[in-house]
Amino acid sequence: MKDIFIAPKKNEVHMNTLSSFCQNPIDIHFQTQKTHETIILFLRSHLITNLSWIIFTIILIFLPLIIVSVLSLFQIDLLSSSTATEFITVYTLLYYLLVFSYVFLSFLHWFYNVFIVTSERVVDIDYSDVVVHNIAVTSLTHVQDVNYTQSGFIPTFFNYGDLFVQTAGNEMNFEAFSVPKPREATHIIGDLTGKSK
């Protein structure tokens, strides 16, 4: 018996793990997603926004080597005794453990802060710590207005900006910062809610 291949529906996309913008992804789900609910738009901050903490990490990685080089220029020998060697070894291991923790938390903060628009609602998942995360949800029928801002050379060049979803009544407003293709995202949400301009 031959295997039957079922083609995905039109416009459905397999999302890359590090994607920041994906329309109609078929291979992701979130915890409170209903069985009949489909994800229309998946957003997270543009990959380029990680550049600041990546550069800072590179500086932190090479900082001990720079310090040792500067001290050797002044002919200061920190490894003159076995006690000093042990102390510097422990300090260096602790230092790089802290650098690794900084990298890990920075990546998690970028990776898990996501903005999802489904066929029924808007879901904003904010991850601020290993144990702290906040999930805000509103129905598409409560969306009053959708707009975006994109200012500066770098956001314009890399095509990312801040997306704002205004809701009705006492509900909170939703924000997605530094997301790719903010204009396209605004139109997609606007078309879903009937608020397209």
Protein backbone atom coordinates (compact mmCIF):
# COMPACT_ATOMS: atom_id res chain seq x y z
CA MET A 1 0.00 0.00 0.00
CA LYS A 2 1.41 3.40 -0.97
CA ASP A 3 1.83 6.20 1.55
CA ILE A 4 -0.59 9.03 1.00
CA PHE A 5 0.88 12.52 1.09
CA ILE A 6 -1.48 15.23 2.29
CA ALA A 7 -0.35 18.65 1.11
CA PRO A 8 -0.68 21.51 3.55
CA LYS A 9 -3.45 24.02 3.01
CA LYS A 10 -2.67 27.04 0.88
CA ASN A 11 -0.43 29.64 2.57
CA GLU A 12 0.46 27.40 5.53
CA VAL A 13 4.13 27.61 6.45
CA HIS A 14 6.54 25.44 8.43
CA MET A 15 8.10 27.85 10.89
CA ASN A 16 11.83 28.01 11.55
CA THR A 17 12.70 27.79 15.27
CA LEU A 18 14.27 31.25 15.28
CA SER A 19 11.63 32.93 13.11
CA SER A 20 10.43 36.33 14.21
CA PHE A 21 7.54 36.66 11.75
CA CYS A 22 5.44 33.79 10.46
CA GLN A 23 2.02 33.93 8.88
CA ASN A 24 -0.16 30.80 9.07
CA PRO A 25 2.39 28.53 10.82
CA ILE A 26 1.27 24.91 11.03
CA ASP A 27 3.81 23.43 13.41
CA ILE A 28 3.45 25.54 16.55
CA HIS A 29 0.92 25.51 19.36
CA PHE A 30 0.54 27.19 22.71
CA GLN A 31 -0.79 25.93 26.02
CA THR A 32 -4.26 27.50 26.02
CA GLN A 33 -4.95 27.01 22.32
CA LYS A 34 -8.38 25.58 21.55
CA THR A 35 -8.70 22.59 19.25
CA HIS A 36 -10.49 24.52 16.46
CA GLU A 37 -8.35 27.66 16.85
CA THR A 38 -5.70 28.30 14.19
CA ILE A 39 -2.68 30.56 14.49
CA ILE A 40 -2.77 33.32 11.89
CA LEU A 41 0.31 35.29 12.89
CA PHE A 42 3.32 34.58 15.09
CA LEU A 43 5.60 37.47 16.10
CA ARG A 44 8.65 37.99 18.28
CA SER A 45 11.27 40.73 18.33
CA HIS A 46 13.45 40.94 15.22
CA LEU A 47 16.60 38.82 15.37
CA ILE A 48 18.76 41.94 14.92
CA THR A 49 17.57 43.23 18.32
CA ASN A 50 19.76 40.55 19.93
CA LEU A 51 22.87 42.24 18.59
CA SER A 52 23.33 44.50 21.64
CA TRP A 53 23.54 41.68 24.19
CA ILE A 54 25.59 39.53 21.80
CA ILE A 55 28.20 42.29 21.41
CA PHE A 56 28.19 42.86 25.17
CA THR A 57 28.72 39.11 25.69
CA ILE A 58 31.71 39.09 23.33
CA ILE A 59 33.23 41.95 25.32
CA LEU A 60 32.60 40.05 28.57
CA ILE A 61 34.21 36.89 27.16
CA PHE A 62 37.42 38.69 26.24
CA LEU A 63 37.52 41.02 29.24
CA PRO A 64 39.65 38.70 31.46
CA LEU A 65 42.20 38.31 28.65
CA ILE A 66 42.36 42.09 28.24
CA ILE A 67 42.85 42.54 31.99
CA VAL A 68 45.66 39.96 32.06
CA SER A 69 47.32 41.64 29.05
CA VAL A 70 47.16 45.07 30.70
CA LEU A 71 48.57 43.69 33.96
CA SER A 72 51.41 41.99 32.11
CA LEU A 73 52.31 45.34 30.50
CA PHE A 74 52.83 46.70 34.02
CA GLN A 75 54.73 43.50 34.91
CA ILE A 76 52.21 42.43 37.54
CA ASP A 77 52.21 38.66 37.96
CA LEU A 78 48.99 37.38 39.49
CA LEU A 79 50.05 33.74 39.32
CA SER A 80 53.06 34.01 41.60
CA SER A 81 51.75 31.59 44.24
CA SER A 82 49.61 28.45 44.20
CA THR A 83 46.97 30.16 46.36
CA ALA A 84 46.68 33.01 43.84
CA THR A 85 46.41 30.47 41.00
CA GLU A 86 43.58 28.62 42.74
CA PHE A 87 41.79 31.88 43.55
CA ILE A 88 42.05 33.13 39.96
CA THR A 89 40.89 29.76 38.61
CA VAL A 90 37.79 29.77 40.85
CA TYR A 91 37.11 33.43 40.06
CA THR A 92 37.42 32.80 36.31
CA LEU A 93 35.06 29.82 36.43
CA LEU A 94 32.53 31.84 38.43
CA TYR A 95 32.89 34.78 36.06
CA TYR A 96 32.21 32.66 32.97
CA LEU A 97 29.29 30.96 34.71
CA LEU A 98 27.76 34.42 35.23
CA VAL A 99 28.43 35.32 31.58
CA PHE A 100 26.75 32.08 30.48
CA SER A 101 23.76 32.84 32.74
CA TYR A 102 23.47 36.30 31.19
CA VAL A 103 23.51 34.81 27.67
CA PHE A 104 21.00 32.12 28.58
CA LEU A 105 18.53 34.56 30.19
CA SER A 106 18.90 37.08 27.35
CA PHE A 107 18.16 34.41 24.78
CA LEU A 108 15.17 33.08 26.73
CA HIS A 109 13.81 36.60 27.09
CA TRP A 110 13.96 37.08 23.31
CA PHE A 111 12.78 33.58 22.40
CA TYR A 112 9.75 33.33 24.70
CA ASN A 113 8.37 36.89 24.44
CA VAL A 114 5.91 36.23 21.66
CA PHE A 115 2.82 37.83 20.21
CA ILE A 116 0.30 35.46 18.64
CA VAL A 117 -2.82 36.27 16.65
CA THR A 118 -5.22 33.39 16.18
CA SER A 119 -8.53 33.03 14.38
CA GLU A 120 -10.27 34.06 17.63
CA ARG A 121 -7.98 36.16 19.81
CA VAL A 122 -4.76 38.03 20.43
CA VAL A 123 -2.28 36.39 22.84
CA ASP A 124 0.66 38.30 24.29
CA ILE A 125 3.16 36.13 26.17
CA ASP A 126 5.70 38.11 28.18
CA TYR A 127 8.59 36.19 29.69
CA SER A 128 10.54 38.25 32.18
CA ASP A 129 12.35 35.63 34.25
CA VAL A 130 12.91 31.88 34.48
CA VAL A 131 9.92 31.54 36.79
CA VAL A 132 7.87 34.62 35.87
CA HIS A 133 5.78 34.93 32.76
CA ASN A 134 2.62 36.82 31.96
CA ILE A 135 -0.01 35.83 29.42
CA ALA A 136 -2.56 38.42 28.28
CA VAL A 137 -5.45 37.44 26.01
CA THR A 138 -8.27 39.33 24.32
CA SER A 139 -10.88 38.38 21.78
CA LEU A 140 -10.56 39.77 18.26
CA THR A 141 -14.03 41.29 18.71
CA HIS A 142 -12.61 43.56 21.46
CA VAL A 143 -9.90 45.03 19.24
CA GLN A 144 -10.64 48.70 18.54
CA ASP A 145 -7.57 49.83 16.64
CA VAL A 146 -4.26 48.48 15.32
CA ASN A 147 -1.26 50.66 14.49
CA TYR A 148 2.51 50.63 14.47
CA THR A 149 5.50 52.93 14.81
CA GLN A 150 8.77 52.58 12.98
CA SER A 151 11.32 55.32 13.56
CA GLY A 152 15.05 55.55 13.04
CA PHE A 153 17.45 54.34 10.40
CA ILE A 154 18.10 50.83 11.78
CA PRO A 155 14.41 49.86 12.31
CA THR A 156 13.56 51.22 8.86
CA PHE A 157 16.52 49.49 7.19
CA PHE A 158 15.79 46.11 8.84
CA ASN A 159 12.00 46.67 8.61
CA TYR A 160 10.97 46.27 12.22
CA GLY A 161 8.90 48.38 14.58
CA ASP A 162 6.47 48.45 17.49
CA LEU A 163 2.94 47.11 17.03
CA PHE A 164 0.06 48.41 19.17
CA VAL A 165 -3.34 46.77 19.53
CA GLN A 166 -5.90 48.94 21.31
CA THR A 167 -8.79 47.11 22.98
CA ALA A 168 -12.24 48.18 24.09
CA GLY A 169 -13.27 49.23 27.57
CA ASN A 170 -11.18 48.41 30.61
CA GLU A 171 -9.12 45.72 28.90
CA MET A 172 -5.40 46.28 28.61
CA ASN A 173 -3.79 47.33 25.34
CA PHE A 174 -1.36 44.95 23.67
CA GLU A 175 2.13 45.84 22.48
CA ALA A 176 4.68 43.89 20.48
CA PHE A 177 8.04 45.65 20.41
CA SER A 178 10.59 45.51 17.58
CA VAL A 179 8.65 42.99 15.47
CA PRO A 180 9.49 42.43 11.79
CA LYS A 181 7.18 43.73 9.06
CA PRO A 182 4.99 45.83 11.39
CA ARG A 183 2.99 47.28 8.51
CA GLU A 184 2.11 43.83 7.18
CA ALA A 185 1.25 42.62 10.70
CA THR A 186 -1.02 45.65 11.20
CA HIS A 187 -2.89 44.87 7.97
CA ILE A 188 -3.28 41.19 8.87
CA ILE A 189 -4.76 41.99 12.28
CA GLY A 190 -6.84 44.80 10.79
CA ASP A 191 -8.30 42.45 8.18
CA LEU A 192 -9.17 39.90 10.88
CA THR A 193 -10.90 42.47 13.05
CA GLY A 194 -12.46 44.55 10.26
CA LYS A 195 -10.34 47.54 11.40
CA SER A 196 -8.06 47.57 8.37
CA LYS A 197 -7.16 51.00 7.00
